[in-house]
Amino acid sequence: MTSVTKNWAFGLIFLTTLMTTLAQFFLKTAVHDRPILLIPLAAGVALYGVGSALMILSFKGGQVSLLYPITATSYIWVALISQFWFGEDVHALRWVGIAIIIAGITLIGLANKQHKGAEHAPVA
């Protein structure tokens, strides 16, 4: 069974990563000051719920094995928010790890393109 992943599915999964990253931001904000702030906590939980729903919808439009690894891009957004908003130290070794994650996602995408090309190649 061959399955083509639709562009809207990629858009939804990317939106999922942004939603879950924002959820993490709100959850961190909720516990950053004592006592726990209920509005950021509720916002974080709600965004996780919306992100999950978007992920499920995106899976209707394509291959889970291609779409799900894209959620790892949230590591990039979380590292950026952690460093620039919360002032946390994100050391060089973490950035190397993030670069490896990006390389892995790229390889998965390239492998999918090569596989699709092999499906349409003439059989000898």
PDB file of N, CA and C in Angstrom:
ATOM      1  N   MET A   1       0.836  -1.171   0.000  1.00  0.00           N
ATOM      2  CA  MET A   1       0.000   0.000   0.000  1.00  0.00           C
ATOM      3  C   MET A   1       0.885   1.240   0.000  1.00  0.00           C
ATOM      4  N   THR A   2       0.706   2.080  -0.992  1.00  0.00           N
ATOM      5  CA  THR A   2       1.470   3.317  -1.041  1.00  0.00           C
ATOM      6  C   THR A   2       0.608   4.459  -0.537  1.00  0.00           C
ATOM      7  N   SER A   3       1.234   5.377   0.127  1.00  0.00           N
ATOM      8  CA  SER A   3       0.516   6.510   0.687  1.00  0.00           C
ATOM      9  C   SER A   3       1.295   7.775   0.407  1.00  0.00           C
ATOM     10  N   VAL A   4       0.610   8.757  -0.120  1.00  0.00           N
ATOM     11  CA  VAL A   4       1.220  10.047  -0.366  1.00  0.00           C
ATOM     12  C   VAL A   4       0.833  10.967   0.779  1.00  0.00           C
ATOM     13  N   THR A   5       1.812  11.632   1.343  1.00  0.00           N
ATOM     14  CA  THR A   5       1.530  12.564   2.417  1.00  0.00           C
ATOM     15  C   THR A   5       1.178  13.911   1.811  1.00  0.00           C
ATOM     16  N   LYS A   6       0.042  14.440   2.187  1.00  0.00           N
ATOM     17  CA  LYS A   6      -0.468  15.681   1.621  1.00  0.00           C
ATOM     18  C   LYS A   6       0.162  16.892   2.309  1.00  0.00           C
ATOM     19  N   ASN A   7       0.271  17.984   1.557  1.00  0.00           N
ATOM     20  CA  ASN A   7       0.903  19.191   2.089  1.00  0.00           C
ATOM     21  C   ASN A   7       0.200  19.720   3.332  1.00  0.00           C
ATOM     22  N   TRP A   8      -1.129  19.630   3.376  1.00  0.00           N
ATOM     23  CA  TRP A   8      -1.836  20.139   4.547  1.00  0.00           C
ATOM     24  C   TRP A   8      -1.477  19.346   5.798  1.00  0.00           C
ATOM     25  N   ALA A   9      -1.125  18.066   5.621  1.00  0.00           N
ATOM     26  CA  ALA A   9      -0.727  17.248   6.773  1.00  0.00           C
ATOM     27  C   ALA A   9       0.601  17.750   7.340  1.00  0.00           C
ATOM     28  N   PHE A  10       1.514  18.141   6.452  1.00  0.00           N
ATOM     29  CA  PHE A  10       2.785  18.719   6.921  1.00  0.00           C
ATOM     30  C   PHE A  10       2.528  20.030   7.663  1.00  0.00           C
ATOM     31  N   GLY A  11       1.613  20.843   7.128  1.00  0.00           N
ATOM     32  CA  GLY A  11       1.276  22.100   7.788  1.00  0.00           C
ATOM     33  C   GLY A  11       0.697  21.887   9.173  1.00  0.00           C
ATOM     34  N   LEU A  12      -0.205  20.909   9.290  1.00  0.00           N
ATOM     35  CA  LEU A  12      -0.810  20.629  10.591  1.00  0.00           C
ATOM     36  C   LEU A  12       0.208  20.099  11.592  1.00  0.00           C
ATOM     37  N   ILE A  13       1.110  19.244  11.142  1.00  0.00           N
ATOM     38  CA  ILE A  13       2.088  18.685  12.085  1.00  0.00           C
ATOM     39  C   ILE A  13       3.069  19.767  12.527  1.00  0.00           C
ATOM     40  N   PHE A  14       3.396  20.682  11.621  1.00  0.00           N
ATOM     41  CA  PHE A  14       4.255  21.808  12.001  1.00  0.00           C
ATOM     42  C   PHE A  14       3.526  22.704  13.001  1.00  0.00           C
ATOM     43  N   LEU A  15       2.248  22.951  12.761  1.00  0.00           N
ATOM     44  CA  LEU A  15       1.438  23.732  13.692  1.00  0.00           C
ATOM     45  C   LEU A  15       1.355  23.026  15.049  1.00  0.00           C
ATOM     46  N   THR A  16       1.310  21.713  15.033  1.00  0.00           N
ATOM     47  CA  THR A  16       1.315  20.931  16.267  1.00  0.00           C
ATOM     48  C   THR A  16       2.566  21.234  17.086  1.00  0.00           C
ATOM     49  N   THR A  17       3.723  21.283  16.421  1.00  0.00           N
ATOM     50  CA  THR A  17       4.973  21.548  17.157  1.00  0.00           C
ATOM     51  C   THR A  17       4.957  22.943  17.768  1.00  0.00           C
ATOM     52  N   LEU A  18       4.391  23.894  17.051  1.00  0.00           N
ATOM     53  CA  LEU A  18       4.311  25.249  17.602  1.00  0.00           C
ATOM     54  C   LEU A  18       3.345  25.310  18.786  1.00  0.00           C
ATOM     55  N   MET A  19       2.225  24.586  18.674  1.00  0.00           N
ATOM     56  CA  MET A  19       1.248  24.557  19.769  1.00  0.00           C
ATOM     57  C   MET A  19       1.839  23.918  21.024  1.00  0.00           C
ATOM     58  N   THR A  20       2.508  22.789  20.859  1.00  0.00           N
ATOM     59  CA  THR A  20       3.066  22.110  22.030  1.00  0.00           C
ATOM     60  C   THR A  20       4.231  22.900  22.626  1.00  0.00           C
ATOM     61  N   THR A  21       4.963  23.608  21.792  1.00  0.00           N
ATOM     62  CA  THR A  21       6.032  24.467  22.309  1.00  0.00           C
ATOM     63  C   THR A  21       5.435  25.600  23.133  1.00  0.00           C
ATOM     64  N   LEU A  22       4.375  26.209  22.628  1.00  0.00           N
ATOM     65  CA  LEU A  22       3.686  27.259  23.368  1.00  0.00           C
ATOM     66  C   LEU A  22       3.109  26.699  24.668  1.00  0.00           C
ATOM     67  N   ALA A  23       2.610  25.474  24.609  1.00  0.00           N
ATOM     68  CA  ALA A  23       2.084  24.822  25.814  1.00  0.00           C
ATOM     69  C   ALA A  23       3.186  24.705  26.867  1.00  0.00           C
ATOM     70  N   GLN A  24       4.372  24.305  26.440  1.00  0.00           N
ATOM     71  CA  GLN A  24       5.488  24.171  27.379  1.00  0.00           C
ATOM     72  C   GLN A  24       5.869  25.528  27.967  1.00  0.00           C
ATOM     73  N   PHE A  25       5.818  26.567  27.126  1.00  0.00           N
ATOM     74  CA  PHE A  25       6.091  27.925  27.597  1.00  0.00           C
ATOM     75  C   PHE A  25       5.103  28.306  28.702  1.00  0.00           C
ATOM     76  N   PHE A  26       3.809  28.054  28.468  1.00  0.00           N
ATOM     77  CA  PHE A  26       2.804  28.401  29.471  1.00  0.00           C
ATOM     78  C   PHE A  26       2.947  27.570  30.738  1.00  0.00           C
ATOM     79  N   LEU A  27       3.288  26.289  30.588  1.00  0.00           N
ATOM     80  CA  LEU A  27       3.467  25.454  31.775  1.00  0.00           C
ATOM     81  C   LEU A  27       4.662  25.931  32.596  1.00  0.00           C
ATOM     82  N   LYS A  28       5.731  26.311  31.931  1.00  0.00           N
ATOM     83  CA  LYS A  28       6.901  26.846  32.636  1.00  0.00           C
ATOM     84  C   LYS A  28       6.540  28.160  33.314  1.00  0.00           C
ATOM     85  N   THR A  29       5.781  29.011  32.616  1.00  0.00           N
ATOM     86  CA  THR A  29       5.335  30.274  33.194  1.00  0.00           C
ATOM     87  C   THR A  29       4.460  30.035  34.417  1.00  0.00           C
ATOM     88  N   ALA A  30       3.614  29.018  34.354  1.00  0.00           N
ATOM     89  CA  ALA A  30       2.701  28.720  35.463  1.00  0.00           C
ATOM     90  C   ALA A  30       3.446  28.362  36.735  1.00  0.00           C
ATOM     91  N   VAL A  31       4.570  27.699  36.611  1.00  0.00           N
ATOM     92  CA  VAL A  31       5.302  27.275  37.811  1.00  0.00           C
ATOM     93  C   VAL A  31       6.533  28.136  38.080  1.00  0.00           C
ATOM     94  N   HIS A  32       6.771  29.112  37.235  1.00  0.00           N
ATOM     95  CA  HIS A  32       7.948  29.969  37.386  1.00  0.00           C
ATOM     96  C   HIS A  32       7.871  30.780  38.670  1.00  0.00           C
ATOM     97  N   ASP A  33       6.721  31.301  38.956  1.00  0.00           N
ATOM     98  CA  ASP A  33       6.506  32.038  40.201  1.00  0.00           C
ATOM     99  C   ASP A  33       5.646  31.182  41.122  1.00  0.00           C
ATOM    100  N   ARG A  34       5.833  31.346  42.421  1.00  0.00           N
ATOM    101  CA  ARG A  34       5.002  30.625  43.367  1.00  0.00           C
ATOM    102  C   ARG A  34       3.878  31.530  43.802  1.00  0.00           C
ATOM    103  N   PRO A  35       2.686  31.119  44.000  1.00  0.00           N
ATOM    104  CA  PRO A  35       2.119  29.803  43.751  1.00  0.00           C
ATOM    105  C   PRO A  35       1.857  29.584  42.261  1.00  0.00           C
ATOM    106  N   ILE A  36       1.437  28.385  41.935  1.00  0.00           N
ATOM    107  CA  ILE A  36       1.159  28.030  40.542  1.00  0.00           C
ATOM    108  C   ILE A  36       0.048  28.938  40.019  1.00  0.00           C
ATOM    109  N   LEU A  37       0.304  29.521  38.851  1.00  0.00           N
ATOM    110  CA  LEU A  37      -0.669  30.414  38.228  1.00  0.00           C
ATOM    111  C   LEU A  37      -1.626  29.584  37.381  1.00  0.00           C
ATOM    112  N   LEU A  38      -2.908  29.687  37.668  1.00  0.00           N
ATOM    113  CA  LEU A  38      -3.897  28.820  37.021  1.00  0.00           C
ATOM    114  C   LEU A  38      -4.147  29.159  35.551  1.00  0.00           C
ATOM    115  N   ILE A  39      -4.099  30.433  35.179  1.00  0.00           N
ATOM    116  CA  ILE A  39      -4.385  30.790  33.782  1.00  0.00           C
ATOM    117  C   ILE A  39      -3.305  30.238  32.843  1.00  0.00           C
ATOM    118  N   PRO A  40      -2.018  30.453  33.110  1.00  0.00           N
ATOM    119  CA  PRO A  40      -1.020  29.843  32.223  1.00  0.00           C
ATOM    120  C   PRO A  40      -1.050  28.317  32.250  1.00  0.00           C
ATOM    121  N   LEU A  41      -1.369  27.746  33.407  1.00  0.00           N
ATOM    122  CA  LEU A  41      -1.479  26.291  33.512  1.00  0.00           C
ATOM    123  C   LEU A  41      -2.606  25.779  32.619  1.00  0.00           C
ATOM    124  N   ALA A  42      -3.770  26.416  32.697  1.00  0.00           N
ATOM    125  CA  ALA A  42      -4.908  26.025  31.862  1.00  0.00           C
ATOM    126  C   ALA A  42      -4.593  26.235  30.386  1.00  0.00           C
ATOM    127  N   ALA A  43      -3.910  27.336  30.061  1.00  0.00           N
ATOM    128  CA  ALA A  43      -3.540  27.600  28.663  1.00  0.00           C
ATOM    129  C   ALA A  43      -2.602  26.521  28.142  1.00  0.00           C
ATOM    130  N   GLY A  44      -1.639  26.115  28.967  1.00  0.00           N
ATOM    131  CA  GLY A  44      -0.703  25.069  28.562  1.00  0.00           C
ATOM    132  C   GLY A  44      -1.390  23.740  28.310  1.00  0.00           C
ATOM    133  N   VAL A  45      -2.267  23.362  29.219  1.00  0.00           N
ATOM    134  CA  VAL A  45      -2.992  22.098  29.062  1.00  0.00           C
ATOM    135  C   VAL A  45      -3.894  22.154  27.819  1.00  0.00           C
ATOM    136  N   ALA A  46      -4.575  23.287  27.619  1.00  0.00           N
ATOM    137  CA  ALA A  46      -5.458  23.442  26.451  1.00  0.00           C
ATOM    138  C   ALA A  46      -4.664  23.372  25.151  1.00  0.00           C
ATOM    139  N   LEU A  47      -3.503  24.010  25.116  1.00  0.00           N
ATOM    140  CA  LEU A  47      -2.687  23.978  23.899  1.00  0.00           C
ATOM    141  C   LEU A  47      -2.175  22.571  23.601  1.00  0.00           C
ATOM    142  N   TYR A  48      -1.844  21.815  24.642  1.00  0.00           N
ATOM    143  CA  TYR A  48      -1.466  20.412  24.420  1.00  0.00           C
ATOM    144  C   TYR A  48      -2.632  19.638  23.812  1.00  0.00           C
ATOM    145  N   GLY A  49      -3.833  19.906  24.308  1.00  0.00           N
ATOM    146  CA  GLY A  49      -5.017  19.240  23.759  1.00  0.00           C
ATOM    147  C   GLY A  49      -5.245  19.594  22.303  1.00  0.00           C
ATOM    148  N   VAL A  50      -5.142  20.870  21.975  1.00  0.00           N
ATOM    149  CA  VAL A  50      -5.318  21.311  20.586  1.00  0.00           C
ATOM    150  C   VAL A  50      -4.216  20.725  19.708  1.00  0.00           C
ATOM    151  N   GLY A  51      -2.995  20.738  20.215  1.00  0.00           N
ATOM    152  CA  GLY A  51      -1.874  20.156  19.461  1.00  0.00           C
ATOM    153  C   GLY A  51      -2.087  18.680  19.183  1.00  0.00           C
ATOM    154  N   SER A  52      -2.598  17.956  20.168  1.00  0.00           N
ATOM    155  CA  SER A  52      -2.876  16.526  19.980  1.00  0.00           C
ATOM    156  C   SER A  52      -3.948  16.303  18.922  1.00  0.00           C
ATOM    157  N   ALA A  53      -4.985  17.131  18.960  1.00  0.00           N
ATOM    158  CA  ALA A  53      -6.057  17.014  17.962  1.00  0.00           C
ATOM    159  C   ALA A  53      -5.524  17.298  16.562  1.00  0.00           C
ATOM    160  N   LEU A  54      -4.675  18.313  16.435  1.00  0.00           N
ATOM    161  CA  LEU A  54      -4.085  18.629  15.131  1.00  0.00           C
ATOM    162  C   LEU A  54      -3.200  17.491  14.630  1.00  0.00           C
ATOM    163  N   MET A  55      -2.474  16.859  15.556  1.00  0.00           N
ATOM    164  CA  MET A  55      -1.615  15.741  15.175  1.00  0.00           C
ATOM    165  C   MET A  55      -2.454  14.590  14.630  1.00  0.00           C
ATOM    166  N   ILE A  56      -3.534  14.285  15.311  1.00  0.00           N
ATOM    167  CA  ILE A  56      -4.413  13.200  14.863  1.00  0.00           C
ATOM    168  C   ILE A  56      -4.956  13.505  13.475  1.00  0.00           C
ATOM    169  N   LEU A  57      -5.387  14.747  13.266  1.00  0.00           N
ATOM    170  CA  LEU A  57      -5.893  15.139  11.940  1.00  0.00           C
ATOM    171  C   LEU A  57      -4.799  15.031  10.874  1.00  0.00           C
ATOM    172  N   SER A  58      -3.592  15.429  11.227  1.00  0.00           N
ATOM    173  CA  SER A  58      -2.507  15.363  10.243  1.00  0.00           C
ATOM    174  C   SER A  58      -2.222  13.920   9.820  1.00  0.00           C
ATOM    175  N   PHE A  59      -2.384  12.970  10.763  1.00  0.00           N
ATOM    176  CA  PHE A  59      -2.132  11.572  10.436  1.00  0.00           C
ATOM    177  C   PHE A  59      -3.122  11.035   9.405  1.00  0.00           C
ATOM    178  N   LYS A  60      -4.285  11.674   9.297  1.00  0.00           N
ATOM    179  CA  LYS A  60      -5.246  11.277   8.268  1.00  0.00           C
ATOM    180  C   LYS A  60      -4.728  11.631   6.872  1.00  0.00           C
ATOM    181  N   GLY A  61      -3.796  12.570   6.809  1.00  0.00           N
ATOM    182  CA  GLY A  61      -3.306  13.044   5.518  1.00  0.00           C
ATOM    183  C   GLY A  61      -1.984  12.466   5.076  1.00  0.00           C
ATOM    184  N   GLY A  62      -1.461  11.504   5.818  1.00  0.00           N
ATOM    185  CA  GLY A  62      -0.178  10.968   5.387  1.00  0.00           C
ATOM    186  C   GLY A  62       0.389   9.907   6.307  1.00  0.00           C
ATOM    187  N   GLN A  63       1.628   9.600   6.055  1.00  0.00           N
ATOM    188  CA  GLN A  63       2.326   8.532   6.762  1.00  0.00           C
ATOM    189  C   GLN A  63       2.816   9.009   8.132  1.00  0.00           C
ATOM    190  N   VAL A  64       2.471   8.270   9.148  1.00  0.00           N
ATOM    191  CA  VAL A  64       2.908   8.594  10.498  1.00  0.00           C
ATOM    192  C   VAL A  64       4.436   8.538  10.578  1.00  0.00           C
ATOM    193  N   SER A  65       5.039   7.589   9.894  1.00  0.00           N
ATOM    194  CA  SER A  65       6.499   7.435   9.947  1.00  0.00           C
ATOM    195  C   SER A  65       7.226   8.629   9.344  1.00  0.00           C
ATOM    196  N   LEU A  66       6.557   9.400   8.532  1.00  0.00           N
ATOM    197  CA  LEU A  66       7.143  10.607   7.956  1.00  0.00           C
ATOM    198  C   LEU A  66       6.750  11.844   8.756  1.00  0.00           C
ATOM    199  N   LEU A  67       5.517  11.904   9.213  1.00  0.00           N
ATOM    200  CA  LEU A  67       5.020  13.092   9.907  1.00  0.00           C
ATOM    201  C   LEU A  67       5.499  13.196  11.354  1.00  0.00           C
ATOM    202  N   TYR A  68       5.448  12.100  12.092  1.00  0.00           N
ATOM    203  CA  TYR A  68       5.744  12.175  13.524  1.00  0.00           C
ATOM    204  C   TYR A  68       7.163  12.679  13.828  1.00  0.00           C
ATOM    205  N   PRO A  69       8.187  12.265  13.093  1.00  0.00           N
ATOM    206  CA  PRO A  69       9.525  12.791  13.414  1.00  0.00           C
ATOM    207  C   PRO A  69       9.629  14.316  13.334  1.00  0.00           C
ATOM    208  N   ILE A  70       8.735  14.944  12.585  1.00  0.00           N
ATOM    209  CA  ILE A  70       8.762  16.405  12.478  1.00  0.00           C
ATOM    210  C   ILE A  70       8.459  17.050  13.826  1.00  0.00           C
ATOM    211  N   THR A  71       7.759  16.335  14.692  1.00  0.00           N
ATOM    212  CA  THR A  71       7.461  16.891  16.015  1.00  0.00           C
ATOM    213  C   THR A  71       8.741  17.140  16.817  1.00  0.00           C
ATOM    214  N   ALA A  72       9.828  16.496  16.432  1.00  0.00           N
ATOM    215  CA  ALA A  72      11.109  16.716  17.121  1.00  0.00           C
ATOM    216  C   ALA A  72      11.638  18.124  16.907  1.00  0.00           C
ATOM    217  N   THR A  73      11.073  18.851  15.926  1.00  0.00           N
ATOM    218  CA  THR A  73      11.506  20.241  15.746  1.00  0.00           C
ATOM    219  C   THR A  73      11.126  21.094  16.954  1.00  0.00           C
ATOM    220  N   SER A  74      10.237  20.596  17.785  1.00  0.00           N
ATOM    221  CA  SER A  74       9.876  21.359  18.988  1.00  0.00           C
ATOM    222  C   SER A  74      11.097  21.574  19.883  1.00  0.00           C
ATOM    223  N   TYR A  75      12.096  20.687  19.814  1.00  0.00           N
ATOM    224  CA  TYR A  75      13.330  20.889  20.574  1.00  0.00           C
ATOM    225  C   TYR A  75      13.990  22.212  20.204  1.00  0.00           C
ATOM    226  N   ILE A  76      13.914  22.579  18.926  1.00  0.00           N
ATOM    227  CA  ILE A  76      14.503  23.834  18.469  1.00  0.00           C
ATOM    228  C   ILE A  76      13.772  25.005  19.116  1.00  0.00           C
ATOM    229  N   TRP A  77      12.433  24.985  19.000  1.00  0.00           N
ATOM    230  CA  TRP A  77      11.645  26.115  19.510  1.00  0.00           C
ATOM    231  C   TRP A  77      11.780  26.228  21.028  1.00  0.00           C
ATOM    232  N   VAL A  78      11.785  25.094  21.716  1.00  0.00           N
ATOM    233  CA  VAL A  78      11.900  25.124  23.180  1.00  0.00           C
ATOM    234  C   VAL A  78      13.268  25.666  23.595  1.00  0.00           C
ATOM    235  N   ALA A  79      14.315  25.269  22.902  1.00  0.00           N
ATOM    236  CA  ALA A  79      15.652  25.772  23.230  1.00  0.00           C
ATOM    237  C   ALA A  79      15.722  27.286  23.019  1.00  0.00           C
ATOM    238  N   LEU A  80      15.123  27.764  21.935  1.00  0.00           N
ATOM    239  CA  LEU A  80      15.135  29.202  21.668  1.00  0.00           C
ATOM    240  C   LEU A  80      14.351  29.975  22.726  1.00  0.00           C
ATOM    241  N   ILE A  81      13.157  29.485  23.065  1.00  0.00           N
ATOM    242  CA  ILE A  81      12.353  30.148  24.092  1.00  0.00           C
ATOM    243  C   ILE A  81      13.070  30.100  25.444  1.00  0.00           C
ATOM    244  N   SER A  82      13.660  28.949  25.756  1.00  0.00           N
ATOM    245  CA  SER A  82      14.362  28.806  27.034  1.00  0.00           C
ATOM    246  C   SER A  82      15.492  29.805  27.155  1.00  0.00           C
ATOM    247  N   GLN A  83      16.234  29.962  26.077  1.00  0.00           N
ATOM    248  CA  GLN A  83      17.390  30.854  26.112  1.00  0.00           C
ATOM    249  C   GLN A  83      16.973  32.322  26.099  1.00  0.00           C
ATOM    250  N   PHE A  84      16.092  32.696  25.194  1.00  0.00           N
ATOM    251  CA  PHE A  84      15.804  34.119  25.005  1.00  0.00           C
ATOM    252  C   PHE A  84      14.686  34.648  25.902  1.00  0.00           C
ATOM    253  N   TRP A  85      13.737  33.831  26.317  1.00  0.00           N
ATOM    254  CA  TRP A  85      12.642  34.321  27.152  1.00  0.00           C
ATOM    255  C   TRP A  85      12.920  34.086  28.634  1.00  0.00           C
ATOM    256  N   PHE A  86      13.378  32.870  28.952  1.00  0.00           N
ATOM    257  CA  PHE A  86      13.601  32.542  30.352  1.00  0.00           C
ATOM    258  C   PHE A  86      15.041  32.763  30.798  1.00  0.00           C
ATOM    259  N   GLY A  87      15.933  33.077  29.861  1.00  0.00           N
ATOM    260  CA  GLY A  87      17.327  33.341  30.213  1.00  0.00           C
ATOM    261  C   GLY A  87      18.109  32.114  30.625  1.00  0.00           C
ATOM    262  N   GLU A  88      17.646  30.937  30.222  1.00  0.00           N
ATOM    263  CA  GLU A  88      18.353  29.697  30.560  1.00  0.00           C
ATOM    264  C   GLU A  88      19.569  29.531  29.647  1.00  0.00           C
ATOM    265  N   ASP A  89      20.594  28.867  30.177  1.00  0.00           N
ATOM    266  CA  ASP A  89      21.784  28.588  29.371  1.00  0.00           C
ATOM    267  C   ASP A  89      21.530  27.367  28.500  1.00  0.00           C
ATOM    268  N   VAL A  90      21.647  27.547  27.204  1.00  0.00           N
ATOM    269  CA  VAL A  90      21.569  26.426  26.273  1.00  0.00           C
ATOM    270  C   VAL A  90      22.977  26.298  25.695  1.00  0.00           C
ATOM    271  N   HIS A  91      23.686  25.305  26.200  1.00  0.00           N
ATOM    272  CA  HIS A  91      25.098  25.146  25.862  1.00  0.00           C
ATOM    273  C   HIS A  91      25.294  24.612  24.453  1.00  0.00           C
ATOM    274  N   ALA A  92      26.500  24.766  23.972  1.00  0.00           N
ATOM    275  CA  ALA A  92      26.856  24.373  22.601  1.00  0.00           C
ATOM    276  C   ALA A  92      26.549  22.903  22.326  1.00  0.00           C
ATOM    277  N   LEU A  93      26.778  22.046  23.300  1.00  0.00           N
ATOM    278  CA  LEU A  93      26.521  20.619  23.097  1.00  0.00           C
ATOM    279  C   LEU A  93      25.035  20.350  22.831  1.00  0.00           C
ATOM    280  N   ARG A  94      24.155  21.117  23.481  1.00  0.00           N
ATOM    281  CA  ARG A  94      22.723  20.980  23.188  1.00  0.00           C
ATOM    282  C   ARG A  94      22.418  21.409  21.760  1.00  0.00           C
ATOM    283  N   TRP A  95      23.054  22.489  21.308  1.00  0.00           N
ATOM    284  CA  TRP A  95      22.830  22.937  19.926  1.00  0.00           C
ATOM    285  C   TRP A  95      23.340  21.898  18.938  1.00  0.00           C
ATOM    286  N   VAL A  96      24.427  21.209  19.297  1.00  0.00           N
ATOM    287  CA  VAL A  96      24.918  20.122  18.437  1.00  0.00           C
ATOM    288  C   VAL A  96      23.865  19.015  18.389  1.00  0.00           C
ATOM    289  N   GLY A  97      23.285  18.683  19.527  1.00  0.00           N
ATOM    290  CA  GLY A  97      22.225  17.674  19.568  1.00  0.00           C
ATOM    291  C   GLY A  97      21.033  18.080  18.722  1.00  0.00           C
ATOM    292  N   ILE A  98      20.659  19.339  18.792  1.00  0.00           N
ATOM    293  CA  ILE A  98      19.544  19.844  17.990  1.00  0.00           C
ATOM    294  C   ILE A  98      19.886  19.766  16.502  1.00  0.00           C
ATOM    295  N   ALA A  99      21.136  20.066  16.164  1.00  0.00           N
ATOM    296  CA  ALA A  99      21.564  19.955  14.758  1.00  0.00           C
ATOM    297  C   ALA A  99      21.472  18.505  14.285  1.00  0.00           C
ATOM    298  N   ILE A 100      21.799  17.567  15.140  1.00  0.00           N
ATOM    299  CA  ILE A 100      21.690  16.143  14.792  1.00  0.00           C
ATOM    300  C   ILE A 100      20.227  15.762  14.581  1.00  0.00           C
ATOM    301  N   ILE A 101      19.338  16.296  15.422  1.00  0.00           N
ATOM    302  CA  ILE A 101      17.902  16.043  15.258  1.00  0.00           C
ATOM    303  C   ILE A 101      17.431  16.569  13.901  1.00  0.00           C
ATOM    304  N   ILE A 102      17.855  17.779  13.556  1.00  0.00           N
ATOM    305  CA  ILE A 102      17.481  18.363  12.253  1.00  0.00           C
ATOM    306  C   ILE A 102      18.007  17.503  11.118  1.00  0.00           C
ATOM    307  N   ALA A 103      19.237  17.033  11.244  1.00  0.00           N
ATOM    308  CA  ALA A 103      19.809  16.156  10.218  1.00  0.00           C
ATOM    309  C   ALA A 103      18.993  14.872  10.097  1.00  0.00           C
ATOM    310  N   GLY A 104      18.575  14.310  11.215  1.00  0.00           N
ATOM    311  CA  GLY A 104      17.767  13.094  11.192  1.00  0.00           C
ATOM    312  C   GLY A 104      16.431  13.307  10.505  1.00  0.00           C
ATOM    313  N   ILE A 105      15.769  14.420  10.821  1.00  0.00           N
ATOM    314  CA  ILE A 105      14.485  14.734  10.177  1.00  0.00           C
ATOM    315  C   ILE A 105      14.686  14.910   8.678  1.00  0.00           C
ATOM    316  N   THR A 106      15.770  15.568   8.306  1.00  0.00           N
ATOM    317  CA  THR A 106      16.083  15.766   6.886  1.00  0.00           C
ATOM    318  C   THR A 106      16.311  14.432   6.190  1.00  0.00           C
ATOM    319  N   LEU A 107      17.045  13.537   6.830  1.00  0.00           N
ATOM    320  CA  LEU A 107      17.303  12.222   6.241  1.00  0.00           C
ATOM    321  C   LEU A 107      16.010  11.425   6.062  1.00  0.00           C
ATOM    322  N   ILE A 108      15.111  11.523   7.022  1.00  0.00           N
ATOM    323  CA  ILE A 108      13.821  10.827   6.901  1.00  0.00           C
ATOM    324  C   ILE A 108      13.056  11.359   5.700  1.00  0.00           C
ATOM    325  N   GLY A 109      13.057  12.683   5.527  1.00  0.00           N
ATOM    326  CA  GLY A 109      12.388  13.283   4.381  1.00  0.00           C
ATOM    327  C   GLY A 109      13.019  12.883   3.062  1.00  0.00           C
ATOM    328  N   LEU A 110      14.345  12.881   3.014  1.00  0.00           N
ATOM    329  CA  LEU A 110      15.052  12.491   1.792  1.00  0.00           C
ATOM    330  C   LEU A 110      14.821  11.023   1.462  1.00  0.00           C
ATOM    331  N   ALA A 111      14.807  10.181   2.492  1.00  0.00           N
ATOM    332  CA  ALA A 111      14.566   8.755   2.273  1.00  0.00           C
ATOM    333  C   ALA A 111      13.171   8.540   1.709  1.00  0.00           C
ATOM    334  N   ASN A 112      12.218   9.334   2.162  1.00  0.00           N
ATOM    335  CA  ASN A 112      10.856   9.229   1.653  1.00  0.00           C
ATOM    336  C   ASN A 112      10.799   9.625   0.182  1.00  0.00           C
ATOM    337  N   LYS A 113      11.518  10.681  -0.191  1.00  0.00           N
ATOM    338  CA  LYS A 113      11.545  11.109  -1.591  1.00  0.00           C
ATOM    339  C   LYS A 113      12.176  10.034  -2.475  1.00  0.00           C
ATOM    340  N   GLN A 114      13.261   9.438  -2.014  1.00  0.00           N
ATOM    341  CA  GLN A 114      13.909   8.382  -2.790  1.00  0.00           C
ATOM    342  C   GLN A 114      13.005   7.171  -2.907  1.00  0.00           C
ATOM    343  N   HIS A 115      12.301   6.844  -1.842  1.00  0.00           N
ATOM    344  CA  HIS A 115      11.401   5.692  -1.857  1.00  0.00           C
ATOM    345  C   HIS A 115      10.265   5.916  -2.844  1.00  0.00           C
ATOM    346  N   LYS A 116       9.713   7.146  -2.860  1.00  0.00           N
ATOM    347  CA  LYS A 116       8.637   7.454  -3.808  1.00  0.00           C
ATOM    348  C   LYS A 116       9.144   7.341  -5.233  1.00  0.00           C
ATOM    349  N   GLY A 117      10.367   7.778  -5.465  1.00  0.00           N
ATOM    350  CA  GLY A 117      10.949   7.677  -6.804  1.00  0.00           C
ATOM    351  C   GLY A 117      11.140   6.238  -7.217  1.00  0.00           C
ATOM    352  N   ALA A 118      11.493   5.379  -6.268  1.00  0.00           N
ATOM    353  CA  ALA A 118      11.702   3.952  -6.571  1.00  0.00           C
ATOM    354  C   ALA A 118      10.400   3.268  -6.925  1.00  0.00           C
ATOM    355  N   GLU A 119       9.277   3.736  -6.346  1.00  0.00           N
ATOM    356  CA  GLU A 119       7.977   3.133  -6.635  1.00  0.00           C
ATOM    357  C   GLU A 119       7.560   3.354  -8.080  1.00  0.00           C
ATOM    358  N   HIS A 120       8.001   4.474  -8.649  1.00  0.00           N
ATOM    359  CA  HIS A 120       7.584   4.828  -9.999  1.00  0.00           C
ATOM    360  C   HIS A 120       8.603   4.459 -11.057  1.00  0.00           C
ATOM    361  N   ALA A 121       9.704   3.872 -10.626  1.00  0.00           N
ATOM    362  CA  ALA A 121      10.743   3.481 -11.578  1.00  0.00           C
ATOM    363  C   ALA A 121      10.297   2.235 -12.335  1.00  0.00           C
ATOM    364  N   PRO A 122      10.701   2.128 -13.615  1.00  0.00           N
ATOM    365  CA  PRO A 122      10.326   0.943 -14.368  1.00  0.00           C
ATOM    366  C   PRO A 122      10.999  -0.297 -13.803  1.00  0.00           C
ATOM    367  N   VAL A 123      10.278  -1.405 -13.825  1.00  0.00           N
ATOM    368  CA  VAL A 123      10.797  -2.659 -13.323  1.00  0.00           C
ATOM    369  C   VAL A 123      11.581  -3.333 -14.444  1.00  0.00           C
ATOM    370  N   ALA A 124      12.789  -3.763 -14.129  1.00  0.00           N
ATOM    371  CA  ALA A 124      13.646  -4.358 -15.157  1.00  0.00           C
ATOM    372  C   ALA A 124      13.334  -5.828 -15.336  1.00  0.00           C
TER     373      ALA A 124
END
